[in-house]
Amino acid sequence: MIVRRLELRGPLDLAATLGPLAHGRGDRTIRLAHGEAWLAFRTADGAASLRLVLESATRLAATAWGDASERAYLNARALPFPFGG
């Protein structure tokens, strides 16, 4: 398990940002709630689960599990979020 905190430059609406990734309401690979998102996916390194939680207006916690947890964290950094420096 990897837990990292990411600083944000501005406010983030997880549901609005990640909603387009869902393939319908029954998509079991993504769950969105107010201030929280769960994603499950496969990578070249294996399977991973990623939980994103808004801890404050300027901080996002990313927790990753699975064989590809490091890649899941790196993929979180590539999402279109307003990350700080």
Foldseek 3Di string as FASTA:
>chain_A
DDKDKFWFPFADFVCVQCVVVAPDPPGPQWDDDGQKIWGWDADPQGIKIWIWGDPDRTMIMIAMDDSCRVVVVVVVVVRPGRTDD
